[in-house]
C-alpha atoms as a PDB file:
ATOM      1  CA  UNK A   1      27.761 -77.255  41.071  1.00  0.00           C
ATOM      2  CA  UNK A   2      24.600 -75.345  40.184  1.00  0.00           C
ATOM      3  CA  UNK A   3      22.753 -76.958  43.109  1.00  0.00           C
ATOM      4  CA  UNK A   4      25.536 -75.954  45.465  1.00  0.00           C
ATOM      5  CA  UNK A   5      25.385 -72.346  44.221  1.00  0.00           C
ATOM      6  CA  UNK A   6      21.582 -72.298  44.613  1.00  0.00           C
ATOM      7  CA  UNK A   7      21.884 -73.697  48.144  1.00  0.00           C
ATOM      8  CA  UNK A   8      24.534 -71.094  49.006  1.00  0.00           C
ATOM      9  CA  UNK A   9      22.313 -68.382  47.595  1.00  0.00           C
ATOM     10  CA  UNK A  10      19.328 -69.665  49.598  1.00  0.00           C
ATOM     11  CA  UNK A  11      21.373 -69.784  52.826  1.00  0.00           C
ATOM     12  CA  UNK A  12      22.686 -66.271  52.190  1.00  0.00           C
ATOM     13  CA  UNK A  13      19.154 -64.969  51.623  1.00  0.00           C
ATOM     14  CA  UNK A  14      17.929 -66.567  54.842  1.00  0.00           C
ATOM     15  CA  UNK A  15      20.917 -65.275  56.799  1.00  0.00           C
ATOM     16  CA  UNK A  16      20.442 -61.809  55.334  1.00  0.00           C
ATOM     17  CA  UNK A  17      16.811 -61.761  56.433  1.00  0.00           C
ATOM     18  CA  UNK A  18      17.669 -63.090  59.897  1.00  0.00           C
ATOM     19  CA  UNK A  19      20.596 -60.714  60.449  1.00  0.00           C
ATOM     20  CA  UNK A  20      18.678 -57.741  59.058  1.00  0.00           C
ATOM     21  CA  UNK A  21      15.836 -58.528  61.446  1.00  0.00           C
ATOM     22  CA  UNK A  22      18.242 -58.876  64.365  1.00  0.00           C
ATOM     23  CA  UNK A  23      19.917 -55.606  63.396  1.00  0.00           C
ATOM     24  CA  UNK A  24      16.579 -53.805  63.320  1.00  0.00           C
ATOM     25  CA  UNK A  25      15.596 -55.426  66.616  1.00  0.00           C
ATOM     26  CA  UNK A  26      18.850 -54.319  68.261  1.00  0.00           C
ATOM     27  CA  UNK A  27      18.778 -50.767  66.928  1.00  0.00           C
ATOM     28  CA  UNK A  28      15.132 -50.136  67.888  1.00  0.00           C
ATOM     29  CA  UNK A  29      15.658 -50.378  71.683  1.00  0.00           C
ATOM     30  CA  UNK A  30      18.789 -48.239  71.375  1.00  0.00           C
ATOM     31  CA  UNK A  31      16.893 -45.511  69.542  1.00  0.00           C
ATOM     32  CA  UNK A  32      13.967 -45.577  71.990  1.00  0.00           C
ATOM     33  CA  UNK A  33      16.371 -45.438  74.908  1.00  0.00           C
ATOM     34  CA  UNK A  34      18.266 -42.539  73.327  1.00  0.00           C
ATOM     35  CA  UNK A  35      15.038 -40.603  72.872  1.00  0.00           C
ATOM     36  CA  UNK A  36      14.026 -41.136  76.495  1.00  0.00           C
ATOM     37  CA  UNK A  37      17.345 -40.841  78.324  1.00  0.00           C
ATOM     38  CA  UNK A  38      19.858 -39.076  76.079  1.00  0.00           C
ATOM     39  CA  UNK A  39      19.789 -35.877  78.186  1.00  0.00           C
ATOM     40  CA  UNK A  40      21.655 -37.847  80.877  1.00  0.00           C
ATOM     41  CA  UNK A  41      24.729 -37.486  78.689  1.00  0.00           C
ATOM     42  CA  UNK A  42      24.801 -33.705  79.244  1.00  0.00           C
ATOM     43  CA  UNK A  43      23.520 -33.283  82.779  1.00  0.00           C
ATOM     44  CA  UNK A  44      26.666 -33.135  84.942  1.00  0.00           C
ATOM     45  CA  UNK A  45      27.840 -29.685  83.759  1.00  0.00           C
ATOM     46  CA  UNK A  46      24.313 -28.322  84.177  1.00  0.00           C
ATOM     47  CA  UNK A  47      23.845 -29.630  87.720  1.00  0.00           C
ATOM     48  CA  UNK A  48      27.394 -28.601  88.677  1.00  0.00           C
ATOM     49  CA  UNK A  49      26.664 -24.901  88.088  1.00  0.00           C
ATOM     50  CA  UNK A  50      25.148 -23.259  91.224  1.00  0.00           C
ATOM     51  CA  UNK A  51      23.654 -20.517  89.016  1.00  0.00           C
ATOM     52  CA  UNK A  52      21.151 -23.052  87.597  1.00  0.00           C
ATOM     53  CA  UNK A  53      19.384 -23.484  90.953  1.00  0.00           C
ATOM     54  CA  UNK A  54      16.406 -21.528  92.235  1.00  0.00           C
ATOM     55  CA  UNK A  55      14.878 -21.431  95.730  1.00  0.00           C
ATOM     56  CA  UNK A  56      11.159 -21.077  96.359  1.00  0.00           C
ATOM     57  CA  UNK A  57       8.398 -21.938  98.784  1.00  0.00           C
ATOM     58  CA  UNK A  58       6.151 -24.889  98.063  1.00  0.00           C
ATOM     59  CA  UNK A  59       3.500 -26.824  99.913  1.00  0.00           C
ATOM     60  CA  UNK A  60       3.256 -30.581  99.699  1.00  0.00           C
ATOM     61  CA  UNK A  61       0.228 -31.865  97.808  1.00  0.00           C
ATOM     62  CA  UNK A  62       1.315 -35.515  97.983  1.00  0.00           C
ATOM     63  CA  UNK A  63       4.413 -37.610  98.601  1.00  0.00           C
ATOM     64  CA  UNK A  64       5.618 -41.169  98.350  1.00  0.00           C
ATOM     65  CA  UNK A  65       8.650 -43.203  99.257  1.00  0.00           C
ATOM     66  CA  UNK A  66       9.750 -45.559  96.491  1.00  0.00           C
ATOM     67  CA  UNK A  67      13.007 -47.500  96.015  1.00  0.00           C
ATOM     68  CA  UNK A  68      15.396 -45.189  97.859  1.00  0.00           C
ATOM     69  CA  UNK A  69      13.755 -41.951  96.807  1.00  0.00           C
ATOM     70  CA  UNK A  70      11.114 -39.558  98.053  1.00  0.00           C
ATOM     71  CA  UNK A  71       8.774 -38.193  95.402  1.00  0.00           C
ATOM     72  CA  UNK A  72       6.911 -34.981  96.124  1.00  0.00           C
ATOM     73  CA  UNK A  73       4.106 -33.249  94.305  1.00  0.00           C
ATOM     74  CA  UNK A  74       4.365 -29.609  95.330  1.00  0.00           C
ATOM     75  CA  UNK A  75       2.150 -26.571  94.818  1.00  0.00           C
ATOM     76  CA  UNK A  76       4.269 -23.467  94.165  1.00  0.00           C
ATOM     77  CA  UNK A  77       4.280 -20.198  92.230  1.00  0.00           C
ATOM     78  CA  UNK A  78       7.397 -20.701  90.078  1.00  0.00           C
ATOM     79  CA  UNK A  79       6.619 -20.911  86.350  1.00  0.00           C
ATOM     80  CA  UNK A  80       9.997 -22.547  85.621  1.00  0.00           C
ATOM     81  CA  UNK A  81       8.934 -25.748  87.373  1.00  0.00           C
ATOM     82  CA  UNK A  82       6.204 -28.302  87.055  1.00  0.00           C
ATOM     83  CA  UNK A  83       4.954 -29.866  90.263  1.00  0.00           C
ATOM     84  CA  UNK A  84       6.956 -33.097  90.589  1.00  0.00           C
ATOM     85  CA  UNK A  85      10.205 -33.292  92.595  1.00  0.00           C
ATOM     86  CA  UNK A  86      12.399 -36.053  93.941  1.00  0.00           C
ATOM     87  CA  UNK A  87      14.993 -36.595  96.634  1.00  0.00           C
ATOM     88  CA  UNK A  88      17.364 -39.449  95.821  1.00  0.00           C
ATOM     89  CA  UNK A  89      20.953 -40.624  96.206  1.00  0.00           C
ATOM     90  CA  UNK A  90      22.776 -39.281  99.245  1.00  0.00           C
ATOM     91  CA  UNK A  91      20.168 -36.521  99.566  1.00  0.00           C
ATOM     92  CA  UNK A  92      17.655 -39.241 100.386  1.00  0.00           C
ATOM     93  CA  UNK A  93      19.915 -40.393 103.239  1.00  0.00           C
ATOM     94  CA  UNK A  94      20.333 -36.796 104.458  1.00  0.00           C
ATOM     95  CA  UNK A  95      16.575 -36.263 104.398  1.00  0.00           C
ATOM     96  CA  UNK A  96      16.002 -39.403 106.476  1.00  0.00           C
ATOM     97  CA  UNK A  97      18.762 -38.501 108.955  1.00  0.00           C
ATOM     98  CA  UNK A  98      17.355 -34.991 109.373  1.00  0.00           C
ATOM     99  CA  UNK A  99      13.800 -36.147 110.073  1.00  0.00           C
ATOM    100  CA  UNK A 100      12.021 -35.372 106.811  1.00  0.00           C
ATOM    101  CA  UNK A 101       9.593 -38.322 107.097  1.00  0.00           C
ATOM    102  CA  UNK A 102       8.263 -36.853 110.374  1.00  0.00           C
ATOM    103  CA  UNK A 103       7.687 -33.472 108.707  1.00  0.00           C
ATOM    104  CA  UNK A 104       6.046 -34.701 105.527  1.00  0.00           C
ATOM    105  CA  UNK A 105       2.337 -34.215 105.435  1.00  0.00           C
ATOM    106  CA  UNK A 106      -0.169 -32.748 103.039  1.00  0.00           C
ATOM    107  CA  UNK A 107       0.041 -28.957 103.115  1.00  0.00           C
ATOM    108  CA  UNK A 108       3.442 -28.783 104.842  1.00  0.00           C
ATOM    109  CA  UNK A 109       5.431 -25.826 103.493  1.00  0.00           C
ATOM    110  CA  UNK A 110       9.103 -26.204 102.565  1.00  0.00           C
ATOM    111  CA  UNK A 111      11.763 -24.031 100.992  1.00  0.00           C
ATOM    112  CA  UNK A 112      12.991 -25.984  97.993  1.00  0.00           C
ATOM    113  CA  UNK A 113      16.114 -25.390  95.934  1.00  0.00           C
ATOM    114  CA  UNK A 114      16.213 -27.164  92.579  1.00  0.00           C
ATOM    115  CA  UNK A 115      17.472 -26.707  89.040  1.00  0.00           C
ATOM    116  CA  UNK A 116      14.745 -25.939  86.545  1.00  0.00           C
ATOM    117  CA  UNK A 117      15.646 -28.700  84.089  1.00  0.00           C
ATOM    118  CA  UNK A 118      14.821 -32.332  84.712  1.00  0.00           C
ATOM    119  CA  UNK A 119      17.517 -34.038  82.740  1.00  0.00           C
ATOM    120  CA  UNK A 120      17.219 -37.785  82.670  1.00  0.00           C
ATOM    121  CA  UNK A 121      14.904 -40.300  84.176  1.00  0.00           C
ATOM    122  CA  UNK A 122      11.654 -39.671  85.965  1.00  0.00           C
ATOM    123  CA  UNK A 123      10.421 -36.261  84.864  1.00  0.00           C
ATOM    124  CA  UNK A 124      10.884 -35.038  88.432  1.00  0.00           C
ATOM    125  CA  UNK A 125      13.238 -32.250  89.444  1.00  0.00           C
ATOM    126  CA  UNK A 126      15.972 -33.357  91.852  1.00  0.00           C
ATOM    127  CA  UNK A 127      15.911 -31.323  95.053  1.00  0.00           C
ATOM    128  CA  UNK A 128      19.359 -29.944  95.945  1.00  0.00           C
ATOM    129  CA  UNK A 129      18.367 -28.174  99.167  1.00  0.00           C
ATOM    130  CA  UNK A 130      15.378 -28.385 101.465  1.00  0.00           C
ATOM    131  CA  UNK A 131      14.421 -26.582 104.646  1.00  0.00           C
ATOM    132  CA  UNK A 132      11.373 -26.531 106.886  1.00  0.00           C
ATOM    133  CA  UNK A 133      10.617 -23.462 109.024  1.00  0.00           C
ATOM    134  CA  UNK A 134      14.305 -22.459 108.977  1.00  0.00           C
ATOM    135  CA  UNK A 135      15.484 -25.983 109.786  1.00  0.00           C
ATOM    136  CA  UNK A 136      17.921 -27.260 107.169  1.00  0.00           C
ATOM    137  CA  UNK A 137      17.010 -30.760 105.991  1.00  0.00           C
ATOM    138  CA  UNK A 138      19.375 -30.856 102.993  1.00  0.00           C
ATOM    139  CA  UNK A 139      22.101 -28.165 102.893  1.00  0.00           C
ATOM    140  CA  UNK A 140      22.608 -26.653  99.433  1.00  0.00           C
ATOM    141  CA  UNK A 141      26.292 -27.231  98.733  1.00  0.00           C
ATOM    142  CA  UNK A 142      26.217 -30.851  99.905  1.00  0.00           C
ATOM    143  CA  UNK A 143      22.862 -31.418  98.213  1.00  0.00           C
ATOM    144  CA  UNK A 144      24.086 -29.952  94.919  1.00  0.00           C
ATOM    145  CA  UNK A 145      27.151 -32.202  94.974  1.00  0.00           C
ATOM    146  CA  UNK A 146      24.898 -35.179  95.662  1.00  0.00           C
ATOM    147  CA  UNK A 147      22.703 -34.223  92.670  1.00  0.00           C
ATOM    148  CA  UNK A 148      25.827 -34.073  90.507  1.00  0.00           C
ATOM    149  CA  UNK A 149      26.854 -37.531  91.758  1.00  0.00           C
ATOM    150  CA  UNK A 150      23.439 -38.991  90.883  1.00  0.00           C
ATOM    151  CA  UNK A 151      23.642 -37.453  87.409  1.00  0.00           C
ATOM    152  CA  UNK A 152      27.187 -38.776  86.928  1.00  0.00           C
ATOM    153  CA  UNK A 153      25.969 -42.292  87.696  1.00  0.00           C
ATOM    154  CA  UNK A 154      23.116 -41.817  85.214  1.00  0.00           C
ATOM    155  CA  UNK A 155      25.567 -40.634  82.544  1.00  0.00           C
ATOM    156  CA  UNK A 156      27.843 -43.615  83.190  1.00  0.00           C
ATOM    157  CA  UNK A 157      24.884 -45.995  82.879  1.00  0.00           C
ATOM    158  CA  UNK A 158      23.807 -44.264  79.662  1.00  0.00           C
ATOM    159  CA  UNK A 159      27.263 -44.614  78.146  1.00  0.00           C
ATOM    160  CA  UNK A 160      27.410 -48.298  79.098  1.00  0.00           C
ATOM    161  CA  UNK A 161      24.015 -48.943  77.565  1.00  0.00           C
ATOM    162  CA  UNK A 162      24.945 -47.161  74.354  1.00  0.00           C
ATOM    163  CA  UNK A 163      28.235 -49.062  74.168  1.00  0.00           C
ATOM    164  CA  UNK A 164      26.609 -52.484  74.606  1.00  0.00           C
ATOM    165  CA  UNK A 165      23.807 -51.843  72.127  1.00  0.00           C
ATOM    166  CA  UNK A 166      26.193 -50.112  69.726  1.00  0.00           C
ATOM    167  CA  UNK A 167      28.534 -53.114  69.696  1.00  0.00           C
ATOM    168  CA  UNK A 168      25.600 -55.495  69.210  1.00  0.00           C
ATOM    169  CA  UNK A 169      24.197 -53.393  66.359  1.00  0.00           C
ATOM    170  CA  UNK A 170      27.659 -53.053  64.774  1.00  0.00           C
ATOM    171  CA  UNK A 171      28.311 -56.801  64.923  1.00  0.00           C
ATOM    172  CA  UNK A 172      24.922 -57.565  63.402  1.00  0.00           C
ATOM    173  CA  UNK A 173      25.478 -54.934  60.700  1.00  0.00           C
ATOM    174  CA  UNK A 174      28.833 -56.550  59.831  1.00  0.00           C
ATOM    175  CA  UNK A 175      27.213 -59.992  59.643  1.00  0.00           C
ATOM    176  CA  UNK A 176      24.410 -58.571  57.526  1.00  0.00           C
ATOM    177  CA  UNK A 177      26.882 -56.913  55.161  1.00  0.00           C
ATOM    178  CA  UNK A 178      28.838 -60.177  54.907  1.00  0.00           C
ATOM    179  CA  UNK A 179      25.683 -62.100  54.049  1.00  0.00           C
ATOM    180  CA  UNK A 180      24.700 -59.569  51.393  1.00  0.00           C
ATOM    181  CA  UNK A 181      28.186 -59.674  49.857  1.00  0.00           C
ATOM    182  CA  UNK A 182      28.077 -63.498  49.826  1.00  0.00           C
ATOM    183  CA  UNK A 183      24.637 -63.361  48.206  1.00  0.00           C
ATOM    184  CA  UNK A 184      25.876 -61.099  45.425  1.00  0.00           C
ATOM    185  CA  UNK A 185      28.994 -63.231  44.908  1.00  0.00           C
ATOM    186  CA  UNK A 186      26.864 -66.345  44.631  1.00  0.00           C
ATOM    187  CA  UNK A 187      24.564 -64.653  42.093  1.00  0.00           C
ATOM    188  CA  UNK A 188      27.537 -63.316  40.175  1.00  0.00           C
ATOM    189  CA  UNK A 189      29.302 -66.706  39.999  1.00  0.00           C
ATOM    190  CA  UNK A 190      26.043 -68.336  38.870  1.00  0.00           C
ATOM    191  CA  UNK A 191      25.576 -65.861  36.054  1.00  0.00           C
ATOM    192  CA  UNK A 192      29.174 -66.242  34.813  1.00  0.00           C
END
């Protein structure tokens, strides 16, 4: 009987180490992800409010097209903004339909409307409205709604990610707690 108790204790110790390691390994990516992307969980109300948007002139320093988005580095005089902007979601489609690729070149001047917070992925401000020499490329109201839609998708993805990793971490924590309880029971029955 003593050998059986020692074997049970050994198995419980091994399982505790394994499950504790798995728990730590599952919580670590969740915490890193939360640090990087947690603002996505609060972005829809911000981008829904028209008062959060500012319009200004900016000249293109560089641009690139990457995976359904246009990224712009823009020189401008607004202190509220850094220099990186993006056009994505349905605004990307609008920009293509309205000829933005033909207008993009180094030094081209645009009127940009964007919100001064970059909540979420990319560290680039989403452009809600864009015009070139009075020609509307992305109209504000439609562009703002499209920005809200992109942020809503980001929030939904964030919630899904948190749910999956939360369930995994919770299950591993339960297994870990069970192993620890079994370990203490085995020690207790051995000492009695």
